[in-house]
Structure formats: structure tokens, C-alpha cells
Protein backbone atom coordinates (compact mmCIF):
# COMPACT_ATOMS: atom_id res chain seq x y z
CA ASP A 1 -0.02 -0.21 0.26
CA ASN A 2 2.65 2.33 0.73
CA LEU A 3 4.93 1.67 -2.56
CA LEU A 4 0.82 2.64 -4.45
CA LYS A 5 1.12 5.80 -2.43
CA GLN A 6 4.43 6.49 -3.50
CA ILE A 7 3.72 5.44 -7.07
CA GLU A 8 0.05 8.09 -6.94
CA PRO A 9 2.08 11.29 -8.04
CA PHE A 10 3.27 9.92 -11.10
CA GLY A 11 0.53 9.45 -12.64
CA ALA A 12 1.04 5.69 -13.57
CA THR A 13 -1.59 3.85 -15.53
CA PHE A 14 -2.44 0.00 -14.49
CA HIS A 15 -3.70 -2.73 -16.50
CA LEU A 16 -4.62 -5.27 -13.98
CA ASN A 17 -5.67 -9.22 -14.13
CA GLN A 18 -4.10 -9.59 -17.67
CA GLU A 19 -1.25 -11.68 -18.80
CA VAL A 20 1.28 -10.42 -21.40
CA THR A 21 0.76 -13.04 -24.13
CA LEU A 22 2.47 -11.87 -27.37
CA VAL A 23 5.88 -9.71 -27.80
CA GLU A 24 7.37 -9.06 -30.76
CA LYS A 25 9.64 -6.76 -32.34
CA ARG A 26 8.62 -4.01 -34.66
CA ASP A 27 10.55 -3.23 -38.03
CA ASP A 28 10.98 1.01 -35.77
CA GLY A 29 12.55 -1.54 -33.11
CA ARG A 30 9.73 -0.91 -30.90
CA PHE A 31 7.40 -3.79 -29.64
CA ASN A 32 4.10 -5.13 -30.07
CA LEU A 33 2.72 -6.34 -27.25
CA GLU A 34 -0.74 -8.02 -26.52
CA THR A 35 -2.31 -9.35 -23.18
CA SER A 36 -4.81 -12.15 -22.50
CA ALA A 37 -7.68 -9.21 -22.60
CA GLY A 38 -6.98 -8.32 -25.84
CA THR A 39 -5.19 -5.20 -25.13
CA ARG A 40 -2.61 -4.08 -27.36
CA PHE A 41 0.56 -2.08 -26.94
CA VAL A 42 3.07 -0.41 -28.84
CA THR A 43 6.11 0.90 -26.56
CA LYS A 44 10.28 1.52 -26.96
CA THR A 45 11.23 -0.69 -23.96
CA ILE A 46 9.92 -3.47 -21.95
CA PHE A 47 10.74 -3.88 -18.20
CA ILE A 48 10.06 -7.59 -16.61
CA ALA A 49 9.26 -7.78 -13.17
CA ALA A 50 7.70 -11.33 -12.84
CA GLY A 51 9.15 -12.02 -9.61
CA VAL A 52 9.62 -16.32 -10.10
CA GLY A 53 7.04 -16.24 -12.97
CA SER A 54 2.88 -16.21 -12.91
CA PHE A 55 1.44 -18.49 -10.82
CA GLN A 56 -0.46 -20.86 -12.90
CA PRO A 57 -3.10 -24.07 -11.93
CA ARG A 58 -1.53 -27.67 -11.38
CA THR A 59 -3.32 -29.45 -13.99
CA LEU A 60 -4.91 -32.58 -14.12
CA LYS A 61 -2.47 -35.24 -15.81
CA VAL A 62 -4.69 -37.62 -17.88
CA ASP A 63 -4.11 -37.78 -21.30
CA GLY A 64 -6.45 -35.79 -23.60
CA ILE A 65 -8.56 -34.46 -20.63
CA ASP A 66 -7.26 -30.99 -21.79
CA GLN A 67 -10.04 -30.84 -24.73
CA PHE A 68 -12.67 -30.21 -22.26
CA ASP A 69 -10.50 -27.16 -20.78
CA HIS A 70 -12.82 -24.15 -19.80
CA SER A 71 -15.92 -26.27 -21.13
CA GLN A 72 -16.72 -28.87 -18.44
CA LEU A 73 -13.27 -28.70 -17.01
CA PHE A 74 -12.12 -26.20 -14.90
CA TYR A 75 -9.39 -24.83 -12.38
CA ARG A 76 -10.61 -22.05 -11.26
CA VAL A 77 -14.58 -20.80 -10.18
CA ARG A 78 -15.44 -17.46 -12.67
CA ASP A 79 -19.21 -17.76 -12.76
CA PRO A 80 -20.73 -20.31 -9.66
CA VAL A 81 -24.16 -20.00 -10.98
CA ARG A 82 -23.69 -22.17 -14.31
CA PHE A 83 -22.84 -25.00 -11.69
CA ASP A 84 -26.30 -24.71 -10.26
CA GLY A 85 -28.56 -27.84 -10.70
CA LYS A 86 -25.71 -29.97 -12.34
CA ASN A 87 -23.60 -32.76 -10.99
CA ILE A 88 -20.17 -32.06 -10.42
CA VAL A 89 -16.76 -33.34 -8.73
CA ILE A 90 -14.16 -31.39 -7.40
CA CYS A 91 -10.55 -32.79 -6.88
CA GLY A 92 -8.21 -31.70 -3.95
CA GLY A 93 -7.51 -31.73 -0.42
CA GLY A 94 -6.81 -27.96 0.34
CA ASP A 95 -8.63 -25.14 1.38
CA SER A 96 -9.99 -24.42 -2.27
CA ALA A 97 -11.49 -28.04 -2.77
CA LEU A 98 -13.08 -27.84 0.63
CA ASP A 99 -14.62 -24.18 0.42
CA TRP A 100 -16.00 -24.96 -3.28
CA ALA A 101 -17.47 -28.02 -2.30
CA LEU A 102 -19.37 -26.62 0.70
CA ASN A 103 -20.41 -23.87 -1.15
CA PHE A 104 -22.05 -25.99 -4.07
CA VAL A 105 -23.61 -28.16 -1.40
CA GLY A 106 -27.16 -27.16 -1.72
CA LYS A 107 -27.17 -25.56 -5.00
CA ALA A 108 -25.63 -28.03 -7.45
CA GLU A 109 -27.44 -31.51 -8.48
CA SER A 110 -25.01 -33.61 -6.55
CA VAL A 111 -21.50 -32.92 -5.14
CA ILE A 112 -18.69 -35.42 -4.92
CA LEU A 113 -15.41 -34.55 -3.39
CA LEU A 114 -12.38 -36.39 -4.94
CA HIS A 115 -9.40 -36.93 -3.33
CA ARG A 116 -6.36 -38.91 -2.96
CA ARG A 117 -6.07 -40.10 0.57
CA ASP A 118 -8.15 -39.35 3.51
CA GLU A 119 -5.93 -36.32 4.75
CA PHE A 120 -6.59 -32.76 3.98
CA ARG A 121 -4.50 -29.53 4.15
CA ALA A 122 -7.92 -27.53 4.40
CA ALA A 123 -9.28 -25.75 7.89
CA PRO A 124 -10.36 -27.89 10.32
CA ALA A 125 -13.49 -26.70 10.45
CA SER A 126 -14.12 -26.94 6.65
CA VAL A 127 -13.20 -30.45 7.24
CA ALA A 128 -15.64 -31.56 9.78
CA LYS A 129 -18.39 -29.60 7.81
CA MET A 130 -17.55 -31.82 5.18
CA ARG A 131 -18.01 -34.68 7.14
CA GLU A 132 -20.98 -34.02 8.31
CA LEU A 133 -22.58 -33.38 5.16
CA CYS A 134 -21.28 -36.57 3.71
CA ASP A 135 -22.97 -38.44 6.85
CA ASN A 136 -25.78 -36.45 6.63
CA TYR A 137 -25.97 -37.61 2.44
CA GLU A 138 -25.70 -34.36 1.15
CA MET A 139 -22.42 -34.78 -0.55
CA GLN A 140 -20.19 -37.71 -0.94
CA LEU A 141 -16.42 -38.24 -0.31
CA ILE A 142 -14.47 -40.76 -2.45
CA ILE A 143 -10.93 -41.34 -1.95
CA GLY A 144 -8.67 -42.22 -5.33
CA GLN A 145 -7.50 -40.84 -8.50
CA VAL A 146 -8.59 -39.58 -11.81
CA THR A 147 -6.78 -42.48 -14.29
CA GLY A 148 -9.10 -41.50 -17.23
CA PHE A 149 -12.52 -40.14 -18.75
CA GLU A 150 -15.44 -41.27 -21.08
CA SER A 151 -17.00 -39.11 -23.60
CA ALA A 152 -20.80 -39.05 -24.98
CA ALA A 153 -21.72 -39.68 -28.54
CA ASP A 154 -21.66 -35.86 -28.88
CA GLY A 155 -18.22 -35.38 -27.68
CA THR A 156 -19.10 -33.85 -24.50
CA LEU A 157 -17.27 -35.36 -21.01
CA SER A 158 -19.83 -37.25 -19.53
CA GLY A 159 -17.76 -39.30 -16.66
CA ILE A 160 -14.26 -39.82 -15.28
CA LYS A 161 -12.51 -43.08 -14.01
CA VAL A 162 -11.54 -43.03 -10.80
CA THR A 163 -9.01 -45.53 -9.42
CA GLY A 164 -8.88 -46.42 -5.48
CA ALA A 165 -6.35 -47.56 -3.15
CA ASP A 166 -7.71 -51.09 -3.70
CA GLY A 167 -6.61 -50.81 -7.52
CA VAL A 168 -10.33 -50.90 -8.41
CA THR A 169 -11.35 -48.69 -11.57
CA ARG A 170 -14.52 -47.03 -11.13
CA ARG A 171 -16.62 -44.65 -13.32
CA LEU A 172 -18.24 -41.13 -11.89
CA PRO A 173 -20.75 -39.87 -14.51
CA LEU A 174 -20.83 -35.91 -14.07
CA ASP A 175 -21.56 -32.93 -16.04
CA TYR A 176 -18.65 -30.53 -14.67
CA LEU A 177 -15.11 -31.52 -13.26
CA MET A 178 -12.86 -28.83 -10.97
CA VAL A 179 -9.90 -29.47 -10.18
CA PHE A 180 -7.96 -27.90 -7.49
CA PHE A 181 -4.40 -29.45 -6.96
CA GLY A 182 -2.83 -25.73 -6.22
CA LEU A 183 -0.47 -23.67 -7.57
CA SER A 184 3.06 -23.21 -9.53
CA PRO A 185 5.29 -20.52 -10.57
CA LYS A 186 5.81 -20.67 -14.29
CA LEU A 187 7.41 -18.38 -16.76
CA GLY A 188 4.18 -19.09 -19.40
CA PRO A 189 4.65 -16.83 -22.27
CA ILE A 190 8.03 -15.12 -21.45
CA ALA A 191 9.64 -18.18 -22.43
CA GLU A 192 8.56 -17.59 -26.01
CA TRP A 193 10.07 -14.20 -26.38
CA GLY A 194 13.50 -15.28 -27.64
CA LEU A 195 14.87 -14.11 -24.46
CA ASP A 196 18.53 -16.26 -22.57
CA ILE A 197 16.81 -18.18 -20.24
CA GLU A 198 18.95 -19.98 -17.29
CA ARG A 199 16.85 -22.49 -14.62
CA LYS A 200 14.10 -20.61 -15.63
CA GLN A 201 15.34 -17.05 -14.99
CA ILE A 202 16.38 -14.48 -17.63
CA LYS A 203 19.76 -13.81 -17.91
CA VAL A 204 20.83 -9.95 -17.79
CA GLY A 205 24.07 -7.78 -17.88
CA THR A 206 24.17 -6.34 -14.45
CA GLU A 207 25.45 -2.33 -16.23
CA LYS A 208 21.53 -1.70 -16.82
CA PHE A 209 19.55 -5.24 -16.41
CA GLU A 210 18.92 -5.45 -19.94
CA THR A 211 18.55 -8.89 -21.50
CA ASN A 212 19.94 -10.16 -24.95
CA VAL A 213 17.07 -8.06 -26.45
CA PRO A 214 17.87 -4.48 -27.14
CA GLY A 215 14.74 -2.43 -25.06
CA ILE A 216 13.87 -5.23 -22.63
CA PHE A 217 15.31 -5.31 -19.17
CA ALA A 218 14.31 -7.56 -16.66
CA VAL A 219 14.79 -6.67 -12.70
CA GLY A 220 13.73 -8.29 -9.56
CA ASP A 221 13.74 -12.11 -8.55
CA ILE A 222 12.90 -13.14 -12.37
CA ASN A 223 15.96 -12.33 -13.86
CA THR A 224 19.64 -13.86 -13.38
CA TYR A 225 23.43 -12.74 -13.24
CA PRO A 226 26.64 -13.50 -11.23
CA GLY A 227 25.92 -12.97 -7.49
CA LYS A 228 22.26 -12.50 -7.71
CA LYS A 229 20.83 -11.76 -4.37
CA LYS A 230 17.12 -12.15 -4.06
CA LEU A 231 16.35 -9.23 -1.83
CA ILE A 232 13.90 -6.36 -2.28
CA LEU A 233 16.76 -3.75 -1.85
CA SER A 234 18.05 -5.63 -4.85
CA GLY A 235 14.98 -5.34 -6.48
CA PHE A 236 14.72 -1.61 -6.30
CA HIS A 237 18.60 -1.14 -7.26
CA GLU A 238 18.07 -2.92 -10.14
CA ALA A 239 15.02 -0.97 -11.06
CA ALA A 240 16.82 2.29 -10.97
CA LEU A 241 19.71 1.62 -13.06
CA ALA A 242 17.46 -0.16 -15.63
CA ALA A 243 15.66 2.83 -15.53
CA PHE A 244 18.43 4.87 -17.03
CA GLY A 245 19.39 2.35 -19.52
CA ALA A 246 16.02 2.39 -20.83
CA ALA A 247 16.27 6.51 -21.13
CA PRO A 248 17.94 6.59 -24.52
CA TYR A 249 15.57 4.42 -26.24
CA ILE A 250 12.48 6.49 -24.72
CA PHE A 251 14.70 9.91 -25.14
CA PRO A 252 17.44 9.34 -27.73
CA ASP A 253 18.02 13.39 -28.23
CA LYS A 254 17.73 13.95 -24.21
CA LYS A 255 20.25 14.41 -21.80
CA ILE A 256 19.30 12.62 -18.37
CA HIS A 257 20.30 14.79 -15.19
CA MET A 258 20.53 13.01 -11.81
CA GLN A 259 18.23 14.33 -9.79
CA TYR A 260 17.47 13.42 -5.67
CA THR A 261 14.19 13.69 -4.01
CA THR A 262 16.21 15.90 -1.30
CA THR A 263 17.00 18.92 -3.37
CA SER A 264 15.26 18.94 -6.65
CA PRO A 265 12.59 21.63 -6.65
CA LYS A 266 11.11 19.34 -9.74
CA LEU A 267 10.69 16.32 -7.96
CA HIS A 268 9.09 18.21 -4.63
CA LYS A 269 6.42 19.91 -6.99
CA ILE A 270 5.73 16.35 -8.46
CA LEU A 271 5.36 14.63 -5.11
CA GLY A 272 3.53 17.99 -3.48
CA VAL A 273 6.29 18.98 -0.71
CA GLU A 274 8.09 22.15 0.05
CA SER A 275 11.34 22.94 -1.15
CA PRO A 276 13.49 23.09 2.26
CA VAL A 277 14.73 26.78 2.44
CA PHE A 278 18.65 26.61 3.87
CA ASP A 279 20.09 29.64 5.81
């Protein structure tokens, strides 16, 4: 919150809840950039400050089941109403799986919670409530793992195959399948932008933290260089030097002067503070 407050005087524009999916170099040296929301930019420089990467859901490892992504197989719930009156199976043993299972009881036609073991990483109160609902036949808990699926004649997902600890495989009919196996950090589209990457980190030079692609800079935990220390302090240092490195691309004919918040009247005006008067 304090950092956002510091940024306010500079009038930065934020585009949130979007993932950059495309970066391509233009003939004029600038970049075309596009996001998952379809937003497009043309820019002279790019700063990548993606931490350890974007956190993506751990997916279900069953060959071919990904064809049902976003139609009957979901790793996030964006529209809970669509599941009302439907037969749903929820996979997972953490808070997300338990919370959504409890939420859909009484709304969905049927709720089955599927987990590989009869132990959970969710809040004890949620686990207790789930067991109570199972005892009252308001939902069902099945111990096992998804090992296959079945399709209907029209190509829709009609059921999954679940193998239990006893080695027996059973069929579970369903309308929708939700999977909550947690999140894992991944580079995602960043890996496709032609950058030098070493062990899932972007290689940079320490003079201005520029990547092998001129005009693209990487700061913070996403980058790597000899002696790298993953500290917030280091990230600020890297960003400052990268900003000076980017300036010639943005203002090729302008000389950049070093200014200090303690003495610069220009910065005082932007920040809304009075310039000190020295006797």
C-alpha cells in the first residue's frame, strides 16, 4: 500500500488481471505487445518484473482431458451460477477444494469430493463440515485418483474413471469437473520471447539489467546474473539502473540529469512537498 501511495504523484496507468501473451519486435525497433484481455500496446521498452513467474494451476495429468478445458473442466471458478443444478466432481484436498465443495452443496444437483487420501490440508472446520454433510448424504467423499475419462456421443465429457487404493477403477458420471491441486510458478509466455533463460530465470547484464533483446529489461527475482541476491533492496537497485538504461531508447536526444528528492524543486513539485530553505 505504501508503494502504491508513492507512485500516485507520477500518474502511472495500471492494466490489471491480464497476462502478456505476445511480444514481438517491429521494424522500427519498437515492440508490439498484447495481453490475454486483447489489450494492445506499442512501446519502445519493456520491463519484466514477474517475480518467480506467473502462478498457474497444477493441471490434471490425464491424456486428452485438456480438450474439455473451460467447457467442462475448470481450475478456477469464475461463474458459480453455471454449476447450479448440475452434477459436479471436485478434485483436491486443500482449502479451495473444500470451500467450493461446501459452497455448492444445496445448489448443485450432486457434489462429489475426490481426493487421493483421507487426509486434508484444509481448515479443520471445513473438513469437519464436509464429513458432517457426507454423513447426512448431502455430498459424497471418494478416495482415489482420476485415471481416465469417458465421452458422450456428442463429444462432451460424460464421466471420469477413478482408481482407488484397492486398485479397482470405477466410473463417476458428471456434468462438470473442477480441479484444485494448488498453484505452481511458471514463466508462461515469457519463455517464448527469445530471451536468454537459465534455470527459469532471465539472464541480464549488471550495468543496466538489459536482456539479450535490446530494449527489454528484467529486474527482481525473475532475472539472474553472477552474485544475484534475491532481496527487495536489490530489486529497487536493479530497477533504478534499468530505468537509466532505458532512457536512451525513450528519449534518444535528451540528456538525463541525476536528480535527488532531497534537493530537486522539480521532484518536490511532483511529490507535493515544500522545497527546504537553507539559511
